[in-house]
Amino acid sequence: MQFICLIYSAPNSEPQPGTHEFGAYMQSYGAFTEKVRADGKFVSGDALQGTETATTVSVRGGKTETMDGPFAETKEQLGGYYLLDCKDIDEALEYAAMIPTAAHGRIEVRPVVVWDN
């Protein structure tokens, strides 16, 4: 069963690029990615560019509308994700707790609906 782990944190809550802490932080992400690959759980995962690069699209009355920025105005921002193949939600939660951002942000874990074609 696939689970998406959405990685949220407040800006500037994690180590910043150019600092010693940032290097260690990125190494911990590399180690986590290696672990889920080695365990056969990794499906995909990527970091996202900042929310300042986001555009939100909606269609109302047949008219496409765009808005700069993310849809939700929140303190924490979506920074990336992992898509994992786990046996159940408990296993997915165990892996989510290993994602480095869990120490200062939040990881939202949701089952993925796989549509049969």
PDB file of N, CA and C in Angstrom:
ATOM      1  N   MET A   1       0.845  -1.171   0.000  1.00  0.00           N
ATOM      2  CA  MET A   1       0.000   0.000   0.000  1.00  0.00           C
ATOM      3  C   MET A   1       0.897   1.243   0.000  1.00  0.00           C
ATOM      4  N   GLN A   2       0.533   2.209  -0.797  1.00  0.00           N
ATOM      5  CA  GLN A   2       1.337   3.425  -0.875  1.00  0.00           C
ATOM      6  C   GLN A   2       0.819   4.493   0.087  1.00  0.00           C
ATOM      7  N   PHE A   3       1.780   5.202   0.673  1.00  0.00           N
ATOM      8  CA  PHE A   3       1.481   6.307   1.579  1.00  0.00           C
ATOM      9  C   PHE A   3       2.333   7.498   1.181  1.00  0.00           C
ATOM     10  N   ILE A   4       1.711   8.678   1.161  1.00  0.00           N
ATOM     11  CA  ILE A   4       2.489   9.886   0.910  1.00  0.00           C
ATOM     12  C   ILE A   4       2.791  10.542   2.256  1.00  0.00           C
ATOM     13  N   CYS A   5       4.027  10.938   2.406  1.00  0.00           N
ATOM     14  CA  CYS A   5       4.482  11.645   3.600  1.00  0.00           C
ATOM     15  C   CYS A   5       4.768  13.078   3.175  1.00  0.00           C
ATOM     16  N   LEU A   6       3.890  13.994   3.551  1.00  0.00           N
ATOM     17  CA  LEU A   6       4.020  15.397   3.183  1.00  0.00           C
ATOM     18  C   LEU A   6       4.806  16.104   4.283  1.00  0.00           C
ATOM     19  N   ILE A   7       5.861  16.794   3.900  1.00  0.00           N
ATOM     20  CA  ILE A   7       6.810  17.375   4.849  1.00  0.00           C
ATOM     21  C   ILE A   7       6.531  18.867   5.001  1.00  0.00           C
ATOM     22  N   TYR A   8       6.101  19.266   6.207  1.00  0.00           N
ATOM     23  CA  TYR A   8       5.769  20.657   6.486  1.00  0.00           C
ATOM     24  C   TYR A   8       6.691  21.221   7.561  1.00  0.00           C
ATOM     25  N   SER A   9       7.087  22.475   7.380  1.00  0.00           N
ATOM     26  CA  SER A   9       7.813  23.175   8.440  1.00  0.00           C
ATOM     27  C   SER A   9       7.642  24.678   8.252  1.00  0.00           C
ATOM     28  N   ALA A  10       7.838  25.399   9.331  1.00  0.00           N
ATOM     29  CA  ALA A  10       7.787  26.856   9.273  1.00  0.00           C
ATOM     30  C   ALA A  10       9.097  27.363   8.666  1.00  0.00           C
ATOM     31  N   PRO A  11       9.031  28.416   7.863  1.00  0.00           N
ATOM     32  CA  PRO A  11      10.265  28.978   7.313  1.00  0.00           C
ATOM     33  C   PRO A  11      11.246  29.315   8.431  1.00  0.00           C
ATOM     34  N   ASN A  12      12.487  29.053   8.175  1.00  0.00           N
ATOM     35  CA  ASN A  12      13.578  29.342   9.109  1.00  0.00           C
ATOM     36  C   ASN A  12      13.563  28.481  10.371  1.00  0.00           C
ATOM     37  N   SER A  13      12.718  27.445  10.430  1.00  0.00           N
ATOM     38  CA  SER A  13      12.728  26.566  11.602  1.00  0.00           C
ATOM     39  C   SER A  13      13.778  25.471  11.467  1.00  0.00           C
ATOM     40  N   GLU A  14      14.207  25.209  10.237  1.00  0.00           N
ATOM     41  CA  GLU A  14      15.226  24.194  10.019  1.00  0.00           C
ATOM     42  C   GLU A  14      16.587  24.859   9.826  1.00  0.00           C
ATOM     43  N   PRO A  15      17.654  24.084   9.880  1.00  0.00           N
ATOM     44  CA  PRO A  15      18.987  24.664   9.643  1.00  0.00           C
ATOM     45  C   PRO A  15      19.046  25.363   8.278  1.00  0.00           C
ATOM     46  N   GLN A  16      19.749  26.464   8.213  1.00  0.00           N
ATOM     47  CA  GLN A  16      19.796  27.286   7.010  1.00  0.00           C
ATOM     48  C   GLN A  16      21.014  26.952   6.141  1.00  0.00           C
ATOM     49  N   PRO A  17      20.847  27.033   4.799  1.00  0.00           N
ATOM     50  CA  PRO A  17      21.976  26.780   3.902  1.00  0.00           C
ATOM     51  C   PRO A  17      23.186  27.631   4.277  1.00  0.00           C
ATOM     52  N   GLY A  18      24.356  27.034   4.128  1.00  0.00           N
ATOM     53  CA  GLY A  18      25.591  27.736   4.426  1.00  0.00           C
ATOM     54  C   GLY A  18      26.078  27.540   5.850  1.00  0.00           C
ATOM     55  N   THR A  19      25.266  26.900   6.700  1.00  0.00           N
ATOM     56  CA  THR A  19      25.683  26.656   8.071  1.00  0.00           C
ATOM     57  C   THR A  19      26.150  25.215   8.226  1.00  0.00           C
ATOM     58  N   HIS A  20      26.948  24.973   9.264  1.00  0.00           N
ATOM     59  CA  HIS A  20      27.392  23.610   9.561  1.00  0.00           C
ATOM     60  C   HIS A  20      26.188  22.701   9.818  1.00  0.00           C
ATOM     61  N   GLU A  21      25.185  23.222  10.509  1.00  0.00           N
ATOM     62  CA  GLU A  21      23.996  22.442  10.833  1.00  0.00           C
ATOM     63  C   GLU A  21      23.246  22.007   9.576  1.00  0.00           C
ATOM     64  N   PHE A  22      23.262  22.856   8.539  1.00  0.00           N
ATOM     65  CA  PHE A  22      22.561  22.522   7.306  1.00  0.00           C
ATOM     66  C   PHE A  22      23.200  21.310   6.635  1.00  0.00           C
ATOM     67  N   GLY A  23      24.530  21.274   6.626  1.00  0.00           N
ATOM     68  CA  GLY A  23      25.215  20.124   6.032  1.00  0.00           C
ATOM     69  C   GLY A  23      24.831  18.827   6.721  1.00  0.00           C
ATOM     70  N   ALA A  24      24.807  18.843   8.040  1.00  0.00           N
ATOM     71  CA  ALA A  24      24.427  17.652   8.806  1.00  0.00           C
ATOM     72  C   ALA A  24      22.956  17.293   8.552  1.00  0.00           C
ATOM     73  N   TYR A  25      22.115  18.309   8.446  1.00  0.00           N
ATOM     74  CA  TYR A  25      20.693  18.112   8.183  1.00  0.00           C
ATOM     75  C   TYR A  25      20.491  17.426   6.835  1.00  0.00           C
ATOM     76  N   MET A  26      21.172  17.911   5.808  1.00  0.00           N
ATOM     77  CA  MET A  26      21.051  17.310   4.480  1.00  0.00           C
ATOM     78  C   MET A  26      21.619  15.894   4.464  1.00  0.00           C
ATOM     79  N   GLN A  27      22.683  15.649   5.220  1.00  0.00           N
ATOM     80  CA  GLN A  27      23.220  14.295   5.316  1.00  0.00           C
ATOM     81  C   GLN A  27      22.192  13.358   5.951  1.00  0.00           C
ATOM     82  N   SER A  28      21.446  13.867   6.930  1.00  0.00           N
ATOM     83  CA  SER A  28      20.426  13.017   7.558  1.00  0.00           C
ATOM     84  C   SER A  28      19.308  12.698   6.564  1.00  0.00           C
ATOM     85  N   TYR A  29      18.985  13.627   5.684  1.00  0.00           N
ATOM     86  CA  TYR A  29      18.007  13.336   4.630  1.00  0.00           C
ATOM     87  C   TYR A  29      18.554  12.288   3.667  1.00  0.00           C
ATOM     88  N   GLY A  30      19.833  12.415   3.313  1.00  0.00           N
ATOM     89  CA  GLY A  30      20.456  11.413   2.445  1.00  0.00           C
ATOM     90  C   GLY A  30      20.429  10.035   3.076  1.00  0.00           C
ATOM     91  N   ALA A  31      20.708   9.973   4.368  1.00  0.00           N
ATOM     92  CA  ALA A  31      20.700   8.694   5.083  1.00  0.00           C
ATOM     93  C   ALA A  31      19.288   8.106   5.127  1.00  0.00           C
ATOM     94  N   PHE A  32      18.277   8.957   5.360  1.00  0.00           N
ATOM     95  CA  PHE A  32      16.898   8.457   5.373  1.00  0.00           C
ATOM     96  C   PHE A  32      16.522   7.916   3.999  1.00  0.00           C
ATOM     97  N   THR A  33      16.860   8.655   2.951  1.00  0.00           N
ATOM     98  CA  THR A  33      16.530   8.208   1.596  1.00  0.00           C
ATOM     99  C   THR A  33      17.215   6.880   1.289  1.00  0.00           C
ATOM    100  N   GLU A  34      18.477   6.739   1.668  1.00  0.00           N
ATOM    101  CA  GLU A  34      19.188   5.469   1.476  1.00  0.00           C
ATOM    102  C   GLU A  34      18.478   4.346   2.221  1.00  0.00           C
ATOM    103  N   LYS A  35      18.018   4.608   3.443  1.00  0.00           N
ATOM    104  CA  LYS A  35      17.343   3.581   4.246  1.00  0.00           C
ATOM    105  C   LYS A  35      16.058   3.109   3.579  1.00  0.00           C
ATOM    106  N   VAL A  36      15.195   4.037   3.163  1.00  0.00           N
ATOM    107  CA  VAL A  36      13.928   3.606   2.565  1.00  0.00           C
ATOM    108  C   VAL A  36      14.149   2.921   1.224  1.00  0.00           C
ATOM    109  N   ARG A  37      15.213   3.317   0.514  1.00  0.00           N
ATOM    110  CA  ARG A  37      15.560   2.591  -0.725  1.00  0.00           C
ATOM    111  C   ARG A  37      16.020   1.172  -0.392  1.00  0.00           C
ATOM    112  N   ALA A  38      16.930   1.042   0.570  1.00  0.00           N
ATOM    113  CA  ALA A  38      17.472  -0.265   0.959  1.00  0.00           C
ATOM    114  C   ALA A  38      16.369  -1.177   1.506  1.00  0.00           C
ATOM    115  N   ASP A  39      15.398  -0.586   2.202  1.00  0.00           N
ATOM    116  CA  ASP A  39      14.293  -1.362   2.772  1.00  0.00           C
ATOM    117  C   ASP A  39      13.222  -1.688   1.738  1.00  0.00           C
ATOM    118  N   GLY A  40      13.359  -1.179   0.518  1.00  0.00           N
ATOM    119  CA  GLY A  40      12.379  -1.440  -0.527  1.00  0.00           C
ATOM    120  C   GLY A  40      11.079  -0.676  -0.358  1.00  0.00           C
ATOM    121  N   LYS A  41      11.107   0.434   0.361  1.00  0.00           N
ATOM    122  CA  LYS A  41       9.900   1.229   0.637  1.00  0.00           C
ATOM    123  C   LYS A  41       9.774   2.449  -0.260  1.00  0.00           C
ATOM    124  N   PHE A  42      10.876   2.908  -0.836  1.00  0.00           N
ATOM    125  CA  PHE A  42      10.906   4.159  -1.602  1.00  0.00           C
ATOM    126  C   PHE A  42      10.207   3.988  -2.949  1.00  0.00           C
ATOM    127  N   VAL A  43       9.242   4.849  -3.232  1.00  0.00           N
ATOM    128  CA  VAL A  43       8.618   4.924  -4.544  1.00  0.00           C
ATOM    129  C   VAL A  43       9.118   6.184  -5.242  1.00  0.00           C
ATOM    130  N   SER A  44       9.032   7.321  -4.546  1.00  0.00           N
ATOM    131  CA  SER A  44       9.567   8.576  -5.068  1.00  0.00           C
ATOM    132  C   SER A  44       9.636   9.586  -3.930  1.00  0.00           C
ATOM    133  N   GLY A  45      10.281  10.691  -4.198  1.00  0.00           N
ATOM    134  CA  GLY A  45      10.365  11.755  -3.215  1.00  0.00           C
ATOM    135  C   GLY A  45      11.173  12.902  -3.770  1.00  0.00           C
ATOM    136  N   ASP A  46      10.790  14.092  -3.409  1.00  0.00           N
ATOM    137  CA  ASP A  46      11.490  15.292  -3.860  1.00  0.00           C
ATOM    138  C   ASP A  46      11.222  16.446  -2.919  1.00  0.00           C
ATOM    139  N   ALA A  47      12.139  17.385  -2.930  1.00  0.00           N
ATOM    140  CA  ALA A  47      11.929  18.662  -2.251  1.00  0.00           C
ATOM    141  C   ALA A  47      11.197  19.580  -3.223  1.00  0.00           C
ATOM    142  N   LEU A  48      10.517  20.565  -2.684  1.00  0.00           N
ATOM    143  CA  LEU A  48       9.821  21.553  -3.502  1.00  0.00           C
ATOM    144  C   LEU A  48      10.524  22.899  -3.381  1.00  0.00           C
ATOM    145  N   GLN A  49      10.441  23.688  -4.436  1.00  0.00           N
ATOM    146  CA  GLN A  49      10.935  25.055  -4.345  1.00  0.00           C
ATOM    147  C   GLN A  49      10.026  25.824  -3.391  1.00  0.00           C
ATOM    148  N   GLY A  50      10.480  26.981  -2.957  1.00  0.00           N
ATOM    149  CA  GLY A  50       9.756  27.783  -1.975  1.00  0.00           C
ATOM    150  C   GLY A  50       8.362  28.178  -2.410  1.00  0.00           C
ATOM    151  N   THR A  51       7.535  28.512  -1.424  1.00  0.00           N
ATOM    152  CA  THR A  51       6.151  28.887  -1.719  1.00  0.00           C
ATOM    153  C   THR A  51       6.060  30.140  -2.581  1.00  0.00           C
ATOM    154  N   GLU A  52       7.127  30.948  -2.599  1.00  0.00           N
ATOM    155  CA  GLU A  52       7.114  32.142  -3.449  1.00  0.00           C
ATOM    156  C   GLU A  52       7.095  31.774  -4.933  1.00  0.00           C
ATOM    157  N   THR A  53       7.368  30.508  -5.276  1.00  0.00           N
ATOM    158  CA  THR A  53       7.338  30.062  -6.673  1.00  0.00           C
ATOM    159  C   THR A  53       6.007  29.417  -7.037  1.00  0.00           C
ATOM    160  N   ALA A  54       5.106  29.278  -6.070  1.00  0.00           N
ATOM    161  CA  ALA A  54       3.834  28.574  -6.290  1.00  0.00           C
ATOM    162  C   ALA A  54       2.818  29.449  -7.021  1.00  0.00           C
ATOM    163  N   THR A  55       1.989  28.794  -7.799  1.00  0.00           N
ATOM    164  CA  THR A  55       0.823  29.417  -8.407  1.00  0.00           C
ATOM    165  C   THR A  55      -0.350  28.480  -8.178  1.00  0.00           C
ATOM    166  N   THR A  56      -1.477  29.027  -7.734  1.00  0.00           N
ATOM    167  CA  THR A  56      -2.672  28.234  -7.482  1.00  0.00           C
ATOM    168  C   THR A  56      -3.661  28.489  -8.608  1.00  0.00           C
ATOM    169  N   VAL A  57      -4.244  27.410  -9.139  1.00  0.00           N
ATOM    170  CA  VAL A  57      -5.177  27.486 -10.256  1.00  0.00           C
ATOM    171  C   VAL A  57      -6.549  27.013  -9.800  1.00  0.00           C
ATOM    172  N   SER A  58      -7.575  27.740 -10.222  1.00  0.00           N
ATOM    173  CA  SER A  58      -8.954  27.295  -9.998  1.00  0.00           C
ATOM    174  C   SER A  58      -9.765  27.650 -11.236  1.00  0.00           C
ATOM    175  N   VAL A  59     -10.865  26.947 -11.445  1.00  0.00           N
ATOM    176  CA  VAL A  59     -11.770  27.241 -12.555  1.00  0.00           C
ATOM    177  C   VAL A  59     -13.142  27.499 -11.954  1.00  0.00           C
ATOM    178  N   ARG A  60     -13.670  28.678 -12.209  1.00  0.00           N
ATOM    179  CA  ARG A  60     -14.977  29.079 -11.697  1.00  0.00           C
ATOM    180  C   ARG A  60     -15.808  29.609 -12.860  1.00  0.00           C
ATOM    181  N   GLY A  61     -16.964  28.997 -13.057  1.00  0.00           N
ATOM    182  CA  GLY A  61     -17.835  29.444 -14.139  1.00  0.00           C
ATOM    183  C   GLY A  61     -17.160  29.340 -15.495  1.00  0.00           C
ATOM    184  N   GLY A  62     -16.317  28.333 -15.675  1.00  0.00           N
ATOM    185  CA  GLY A  62     -15.629  28.131 -16.940  1.00  0.00           C
ATOM    186  C   GLY A  62     -14.427  29.033 -17.138  1.00  0.00           C
ATOM    187  N   LYS A  63     -14.121  29.892 -16.188  1.00  0.00           N
ATOM    188  CA  LYS A  63     -12.994  30.807 -16.298  1.00  0.00           C
ATOM    189  C   LYS A  63     -11.846  30.333 -15.400  1.00  0.00           C
ATOM    190  N   THR A  64     -10.666  30.225 -16.003  1.00  0.00           N
ATOM    191  CA  THR A  64      -9.485  29.833 -15.241  1.00  0.00           C
ATOM    192  C   THR A  64      -8.931  31.049 -14.516  1.00  0.00           C
ATOM    193  N   GLU A  65      -8.712  30.878 -13.226  1.00  0.00           N
ATOM    194  CA  GLU A  65      -8.150  31.947 -12.396  1.00  0.00           C
ATOM    195  C   GLU A  65      -6.846  31.446 -11.783  1.00  0.00           C
ATOM    196  N   THR A  66      -5.863  32.325 -11.715  1.00  0.00           N
ATOM    197  CA  THR A  66      -4.603  31.967 -11.069  1.00  0.00           C
ATOM    198  C   THR A  66      -4.304  32.967  -9.963  1.00  0.00           C
ATOM    199  N   MET A  67      -3.603  32.469  -8.951  1.00  0.00           N
ATOM    200  CA  MET A  67      -3.227  33.301  -7.822  1.00  0.00           C
ATOM    201  C   MET A  67      -1.782  32.955  -7.464  1.00  0.00           C
ATOM    202  N   ASP A  68      -0.950  33.959  -7.298  1.00  0.00           N
ATOM    203  CA  ASP A  68       0.421  33.711  -6.872  1.00  0.00           C
ATOM    204  C   ASP A  68       0.419  33.153  -5.466  1.00  0.00           C
ATOM    205  N   GLY A  69       1.235  32.153  -5.250  1.00  0.00           N
ATOM    206  CA  GLY A  69       1.399  31.583  -3.920  1.00  0.00           C
ATOM    207  C   GLY A  69       0.565  30.334  -3.711  1.00  0.00           C
ATOM    208  N   PRO A  70       0.756  29.719  -2.550  1.00  0.00           N
ATOM    209  CA  PRO A  70      -0.009  28.512  -2.235  1.00  0.00           C
ATOM    210  C   PRO A  70      -1.451  28.854  -1.893  1.00  0.00           C
ATOM    211  N   PHE A  71      -2.315  27.854  -1.953  1.00  0.00           N
ATOM    212  CA  PHE A  71      -3.735  28.059  -1.646  1.00  0.00           C
ATOM    213  C   PHE A  71      -3.935  28.453  -0.192  1.00  0.00           C
ATOM    214  N   ALA A  72      -3.298  27.721   0.703  1.00  0.00           N
ATOM    215  CA  ALA A  72      -3.505  27.950   2.135  1.00  0.00           C
ATOM    216  C   ALA A  72      -2.469  28.919   2.678  1.00  0.00           C
ATOM    217  N   GLU A  73      -2.922  29.846   3.467  1.00  0.00           N
ATOM    218  CA  GLU A  73      -2.018  30.749   4.187  1.00  0.00           C
ATOM    219  C   GLU A  73      -1.785  30.137   5.552  1.00  0.00           C
ATOM    220  N   THR A  74      -0.655  29.496   5.718  1.00  0.00           N
ATOM    221  CA  THR A  74      -0.367  28.825   6.982  1.00  0.00           C
ATOM    222  C   THR A  74       1.039  29.165   7.439  1.00  0.00           C
ATOM    223  N   LYS A  75       1.289  28.928   8.690  1.00  0.00           N
ATOM    224  CA  LYS A  75       2.621  29.148   9.252  1.00  0.00           C
ATOM    225  C   LYS A  75       3.606  28.125   8.704  1.00  0.00           C
ATOM    226  N   GLU A  76       3.163  26.873   8.594  1.00  0.00           N
ATOM    227  CA  GLU A  76       4.021  25.816   8.066  1.00  0.00           C
ATOM    228  C   GLU A  76       3.764  25.646   6.574  1.00  0.00           C
ATOM    229  N   GLN A  77       4.837  25.372   5.837  1.00  0.00           N
ATOM    230  CA  GLN A  77       4.739  25.257   4.392  1.00  0.00           C
ATOM    231  C   GLN A  77       5.165  23.872   3.938  1.00  0.00           C
ATOM    232  N   LEU A  78       4.529  23.396   2.864  1.00  0.00           N
ATOM    233  CA  LEU A  78       4.880  22.112   2.279  1.00  0.00           C
ATOM    234  C   LEU A  78       6.233  22.250   1.595  1.00  0.00           C
ATOM    235  N   GLY A  79       7.202  21.461   2.037  1.00  0.00           N
ATOM    236  CA  GLY A  79       8.553  21.577   1.505  1.00  0.00           C
ATOM    237  C   GLY A  79       8.993  20.395   0.670  1.00  0.00           C
ATOM    238  N   GLY A  80       8.252  19.302   0.717  1.00  0.00           N
ATOM    239  CA  GLY A  80       8.620  18.123  -0.048  1.00  0.00           C
ATOM    240  C   GLY A  80       7.768  16.935   0.353  1.00  0.00           C
ATOM    241  N   TYR A  81       8.136  15.782  -0.190  1.00  0.00           N
ATOM    242  CA  TYR A  81       7.348  14.577   0.089  1.00  0.00           C
ATOM    243  C   TYR A  81       8.186  13.335  -0.138  1.00  0.00           C
ATOM    244  N   TYR A  82       7.729  12.269   0.449  1.00  0.00           N
ATOM    245  CA  TYR A  82       8.184  10.920   0.123  1.00  0.00           C
ATOM    246  C   TYR A  82       6.939  10.107  -0.175  1.00  0.00           C
ATOM    247  N   LEU A  83       6.993   9.293  -1.202  1.00  0.00           N
ATOM    248  CA  LEU A  83       5.948   8.325  -1.489  1.00  0.00           C
ATOM    249  C   LEU A  83       6.544   6.967  -1.149  1.00  0.00           C
ATOM    250  N   LEU A  84       5.959   6.310  -0.154  1.00  0.00           N
ATOM    251  CA  LEU A  84       6.500   5.055   0.354  1.00  0.00           C
ATOM    252  C   LEU A  84       5.516   3.913   0.139  1.00  0.00           C
ATOM    253  N   ASP A  85       6.042   2.726  -0.076  1.00  0.00           N
ATOM    254  CA  ASP A  85       5.236   1.524  -0.207  1.00  0.00           C
ATOM    255  C   ASP A  85       5.405   0.726   1.077  1.00  0.00           C
ATOM    256  N   CYS A  86       4.415   0.790   1.954  1.00  0.00           N
ATOM    257  CA  CYS A  86       4.492   0.161   3.275  1.00  0.00           C
ATOM    258  C   CYS A  86       3.377  -0.866   3.427  1.00  0.00           C
ATOM    259  N   LYS A  87       3.555  -1.796   4.353  1.00  0.00           N
ATOM    260  CA  LYS A  87       2.546  -2.848   4.536  1.00  0.00           C
ATOM    261  C   LYS A  87       1.260  -2.310   5.147  1.00  0.00           C
ATOM    262  N   ASP A  88       1.374  -1.234   5.983  1.00  0.00           N
ATOM    263  CA  ASP A  88       0.184  -0.663   6.621  1.00  0.00           C
ATOM    264  C   ASP A  88       0.521   0.726   7.170  1.00  0.00           C
ATOM    265  N   ILE A  89      -0.486   1.386   7.733  1.00  0.00           N
ATOM    266  CA  ILE A  89      -0.297   2.741   8.244  1.00  0.00           C
ATOM    267  C   ILE A  89       0.717   2.770   9.385  1.00  0.00           C
ATOM    268  N   ASP A  90       0.740   1.743  10.200  1.00  0.00           N
ATOM    269  CA  ASP A  90       1.691   1.732  11.311  1.00  0.00           C
ATOM    270  C   ASP A  90       3.131   1.765  10.807  1.00  0.00           C
ATOM    271  N   GLU A  91       3.418   0.993   9.780  1.00  0.00           N
ATOM    272  CA  GLU A  91       4.768   1.002   9.218  1.00  0.00           C
ATOM    273  C   GLU A  91       5.068   2.360   8.583  1.00  0.00           C
ATOM    274  N   ALA A  92       4.087   2.927   7.888  1.00  0.00           N
ATOM    275  CA  ALA A  92       4.279   4.248   7.267  1.00  0.00           C
ATOM    276  C   ALA A  92       4.579   5.302   8.330  1.00  0.00           C
ATOM    277  N   LEU A  93       3.891   5.232   9.467  1.00  0.00           N
ATOM    278  CA  LEU A  93       4.126   6.194  10.542  1.00  0.00           C
ATOM    279  C   LEU A  93       5.517   6.017  11.152  1.00  0.00           C
ATOM    280  N   GLU A  94       5.978   4.788  11.243  1.00  0.00           N
ATOM    281  CA  GLU A  94       7.335   4.541  11.749  1.00  0.00           C
ATOM    282  C   GLU A  94       8.369   5.214  10.851  1.00  0.00           C
ATOM    283  N   TYR A  95       8.213   5.059   9.544  1.00  0.00           N
ATOM    284  CA  TYR A  95       9.144   5.696   8.614  1.00  0.00           C
ATOM    285  C   TYR A  95       9.002   7.218   8.643  1.00  0.00           C
ATOM    286  N   ALA A  96       7.779   7.713   8.724  1.00  0.00           N
ATOM    287  CA  ALA A  96       7.560   9.162   8.759  1.00  0.00           C
ATOM    288  C   ALA A  96       8.275   9.795   9.950  1.00  0.00           C
ATOM    289  N   ALA A  97       8.302   9.104  11.057  1.00  0.00           N
ATOM    290  CA  ALA A  97       8.970   9.625  12.252  1.00  0.00           C
ATOM    291  C   ALA A  97      10.478   9.730  12.055  1.00  0.00           C
ATOM    292  N   MET A  98      11.021   9.015  11.075  1.00  0.00           N
ATOM    293  CA  MET A  98      12.457   9.064  10.780  1.00  0.00           C
ATOM    294  C   MET A  98      12.832  10.209   9.846  1.00  0.00           C
ATOM    295  N   ILE A  99      11.856  10.858   9.221  1.00  0.00           N
ATOM    296  CA  ILE A  99      12.137  11.968   8.315  1.00  0.00           C
ATOM    297  C   ILE A  99      12.683  13.124   9.154  1.00  0.00           C
ATOM    298  N   PRO A 100      13.850  13.658   8.799  1.00  0.00           N
ATOM    299  CA  PRO A 100      14.499  14.668   9.645  1.00  0.00           C
ATOM    300  C   PRO A 100      13.631  15.854  10.040  1.00  0.00           C
ATOM    301  N   THR A 101      12.766  16.316   9.185  1.00  0.00           N
ATOM    302  CA  THR A 101      11.929  17.479   9.503  1.00  0.00           C
ATOM    303  C   THR A 101      10.940  17.184  10.627  1.00  0.00           C
ATOM    304  N   ALA A 102      10.673  15.922  10.904  1.00  0.00           N
ATOM    305  CA  ALA A 102       9.750  15.582  11.998  1.00  0.00           C
ATOM    306  C   ALA A 102      10.224  16.148  13.330  1.00  0.00           C
ATOM    307  N   ALA A 103      11.530  16.420  13.450  1.00  0.00           N
ATOM    308  CA  ALA A 103      12.082  16.949  14.703  1.00  0.00           C
ATOM    309  C   ALA A 103      11.720  18.418  14.937  1.00  0.00           C
ATOM    310  N   HIS A 104      11.362  19.157  13.886  1.00  0.00           N
ATOM    311  CA  HIS A 104      11.029  20.573  14.074  1.00  0.00           C
ATOM    312  C   HIS A 104       9.787  21.003  13.293  1.00  0.00           C
ATOM    313  N   GLY A 105       9.255  20.120  12.474  1.00  0.00           N
ATOM    314  CA  GLY A 105       8.064  20.422  11.687  1.00  0.00           C
ATOM    315  C   GLY A 105       7.033  19.324  11.880  1.00  0.00           C
ATOM    316  N   ARG A 106       6.331  19.010  10.813  1.00  0.00           N
ATOM    317  CA  ARG A 106       5.307  17.968  10.870  1.00  0.00           C
ATOM    318  C   ARG A 106       5.341  17.162   9.580  1.00  0.00           C
ATOM    319  N   ILE A 107       4.999  15.886   9.703  1.00  0.00           N
ATOM    320  CA  ILE A 107       4.890  15.016   8.542  1.00  0.00           C
ATOM    321  C   ILE A 107       3.449  14.512   8.493  1.00  0.00           C
ATOM    322  N   GLU A 108       2.747  14.859   7.445  1.00  0.00           N
ATOM    323  CA  GLU A 108       1.376  14.371   7.248  1.00  0.00           C
ATOM    324  C   GLU A 108       1.452  13.090   6.432  1.00  0.00           C
ATOM    325  N   VAL A 109       0.866  12.018   6.935  1.00  0.00           N
ATOM    326  CA  VAL A 109       0.899  10.719   6.265  1.00  0.00           C
ATOM    327  C   VAL A 109      -0.514  10.380   5.814  1.00  0.00           C
ATOM    328  N   ARG A 110      -0.644  10.078   4.502  1.00  0.00           N
ATOM    329  CA  ARG A 110      -1.958   9.747   3.962  1.00  0.00           C
ATOM    330  C   ARG A 110      -1.841   8.589   2.996  1.00  0.00           C
ATOM    331  N   PRO A 111      -2.805   7.657   3.050  1.00  0.00           N
ATOM    332  CA  PRO A 111      -2.825   6.569   2.077  1.00  0.00           C
ATOM    333  C   PRO A 111      -3.139   7.130   0.694  1.00  0.00           C
ATOM    334  N   VAL A 112      -2.548   6.527  -0.304  1.00  0.00           N
ATOM    335  CA  VAL A 112      -2.776   6.934  -1.690  1.00  0.00           C
ATOM    336  C   VAL A 112      -3.854   6.018  -2.295  1.00  0.00           C
ATOM    337  N   VAL A 113      -4.810   6.613  -2.976  1.00  0.00           N
ATOM    338  CA  VAL A 113      -5.825   5.838  -3.688  1.00  0.00           C
ATOM    339  C   VAL A 113      -5.219   5.425  -5.019  1.00  0.00           C
ATOM    340  N   VAL A 114      -5.176   4.135  -5.266  1.00  0.00           N
ATOM    341  CA  VAL A 114      -4.670   3.627  -6.539  1.00  0.00           C
ATOM    342  C   VAL A 114      -5.886   3.197  -7.351  1.00  0.00           C
ATOM    343  N   TRP A 115      -6.117   3.899  -8.437  1.00  0.00           N
ATOM    344  CA  TRP A 115      -7.281   3.624  -9.281  1.00  0.00           C
ATOM    345  C   TRP A 115      -6.992   2.451 -10.206  1.00  0.00           C
ATOM    346  N   ASP A 116      -7.896   1.520 -10.258  1.00  0.00           N
ATOM    347  CA  ASP A 116      -7.793   0.405 -11.206  1.00  0.00           C
ATOM    348  C   ASP A 116      -8.289   0.891 -12.550  1.00  0.00           C
ATOM    349  N   ASN A 117      -7.497   0.646 -13.569  1.00  0.00           N
ATOM    350  CA  ASN A 117      -7.906   1.070 -14.927  1.00  0.00           C
ATOM    351  C   ASN A 117      -8.536  -0.069 -15.677  1.00  0.00           C
TER     352      ASN A 117
END
